[in-house]
Amino acid sequence: MKAKLVQIGNSRGVRIPKPLIAQANLSDEVDLQVRGKSIIISSDSTPRKGWAQAAAELHRRGEDELLLPPFDTKFDADEWQW
C-alpha cells in the first residue's frame, strides 16, 4: 500500500488506514525504529508493563502475602532431589 507524506506543523506524517492499525494492534503510542532505509512502526504495548513497580508497591504496603499456604506435592516427595 502506498501513502503520501503530509505536512503536520514543522513535521511530516503518514496517515495510516484504520484496518492497518487494527491489524497491527496499534494503540495511541507506537515505537518507531529506523532499519536501513525503512521506518518500522510497532506497537508500544509490552505485556506486564508496570508489574514490577506494582509488586514493589504491594510489598511496601505489606499486601503481598500468599493467597494459598505452601504445600508439598507428589513431585516434592518422590521426584525432586537436592
Protein backbone atom coordinates (compact mmCIF):
# COMPACT_ATOMS: atom_id res chain seq x y z
CA MET A 1 0.00 0.00 0.00
CA LYS A 2 1.36 3.40 -0.90
CA ALA A 3 0.80 6.56 1.12
CA LYS A 4 1.85 10.19 0.85
CA LEU A 5 3.68 12.25 3.45
CA VAL A 6 1.51 15.11 4.71
CA GLN A 7 2.59 18.34 6.38
CA ILE A 8 1.91 18.43 10.15
CA GLY A 9 3.28 21.70 11.53
CA ASN A 10 7.06 21.62 11.00
CA SER A 11 6.99 17.83 10.63
CA ARG A 12 5.60 15.38 8.12
CA GLY A 13 3.45 12.34 8.76
CA VAL A 14 1.71 9.40 7.19
CA ARG A 15 -1.98 8.67 7.58
CA ILE A 16 -2.39 5.01 8.45
CA PRO A 17 -5.71 3.46 7.43
CA LYS A 18 -7.86 2.15 10.29
CA PRO A 19 -7.79 -1.50 9.08
CA LEU A 20 -3.97 -1.49 9.17
CA ILE A 21 -3.96 -0.01 12.68
CA ALA A 22 -6.34 -2.74 13.86
CA GLN A 23 -4.39 -5.49 12.11
CA ALA A 24 -1.11 -4.34 13.71
CA ASN A 25 -2.83 -3.88 17.10
CA LEU A 26 -1.54 -0.32 17.42
CA SER A 27 -2.67 1.99 20.22
CA ASP A 28 -2.17 5.73 20.76
CA GLU A 29 1.57 5.31 21.38
CA VAL A 30 3.84 3.42 18.99
CA ASP A 31 7.53 2.60 18.80
CA LEU A 32 9.46 3.99 15.82
CA GLN A 33 12.74 2.49 14.59
CA VAL A 34 14.88 3.07 11.53
CA ARG A 35 16.31 -0.02 9.85
CA GLY A 36 18.32 0.74 6.76
CA LYS A 37 16.08 2.92 4.60
CA SER A 38 12.88 1.80 6.35
CA ILE A 39 10.90 3.21 9.26
CA ILE A 40 9.35 0.47 11.39
CA ILE A 41 6.20 1.36 13.33
CA SER A 42 5.35 -1.19 16.01
CA SER A 43 3.06 -1.48 18.99
CA ASP A 44 4.49 0.10 22.13
CA SER A 45 2.48 -2.15 24.41
CA THR A 46 4.57 -4.50 26.46
CA PRO A 47 2.95 -7.38 28.29
CA ARG A 48 3.10 -6.98 32.05
CA LYS A 49 4.38 -3.41 31.76
CA GLY A 50 4.48 -1.90 35.24
CA TRP A 51 4.10 -5.24 37.06
CA ALA A 52 7.47 -4.92 38.84
CA GLN A 53 6.55 -1.49 40.21
CA ALA A 54 3.10 -2.74 41.26
CA ALA A 55 4.63 -5.74 43.06
CA ALA A 56 7.14 -3.48 44.85
CA GLU A 57 4.27 -1.21 45.95
CA LEU A 58 2.27 -4.19 47.27
CA HIS A 59 5.34 -5.34 49.21
CA ARG A 60 5.87 -1.84 50.62
CA ARG A 61 2.26 -1.82 51.86
CA GLY A 62 2.57 -5.38 53.24
CA GLU A 63 -0.11 -6.67 50.88
CA ASP A 64 1.96 -9.31 49.10
CA GLU A 65 1.06 -12.37 51.18
CA LEU A 66 0.37 -15.74 49.56
CA LEU A 67 -3.24 -16.46 48.68
CA LEU A 68 -2.78 -20.19 49.42
CA PRO A 69 -0.48 -21.72 52.03
CA PRO A 70 2.54 -23.60 50.63
CA PHE A 71 2.04 -27.37 50.38
CA ASP A 72 4.12 -30.33 49.24
CA THR A 73 3.19 -32.21 46.09
CA LYS A 74 3.93 -35.75 44.89
CA PHE A 75 6.75 -34.26 42.85
CA ASP A 76 8.28 -32.75 46.01
CA ALA A 77 8.05 -36.05 47.89
CA ASP A 78 9.05 -38.53 45.17
CA GLU A 79 10.85 -36.87 42.27
CA TRP A 80 12.72 -33.80 43.50
CA GLN A 81 16.30 -34.36 44.58
CA TRP A 82 18.71 -31.82 46.03
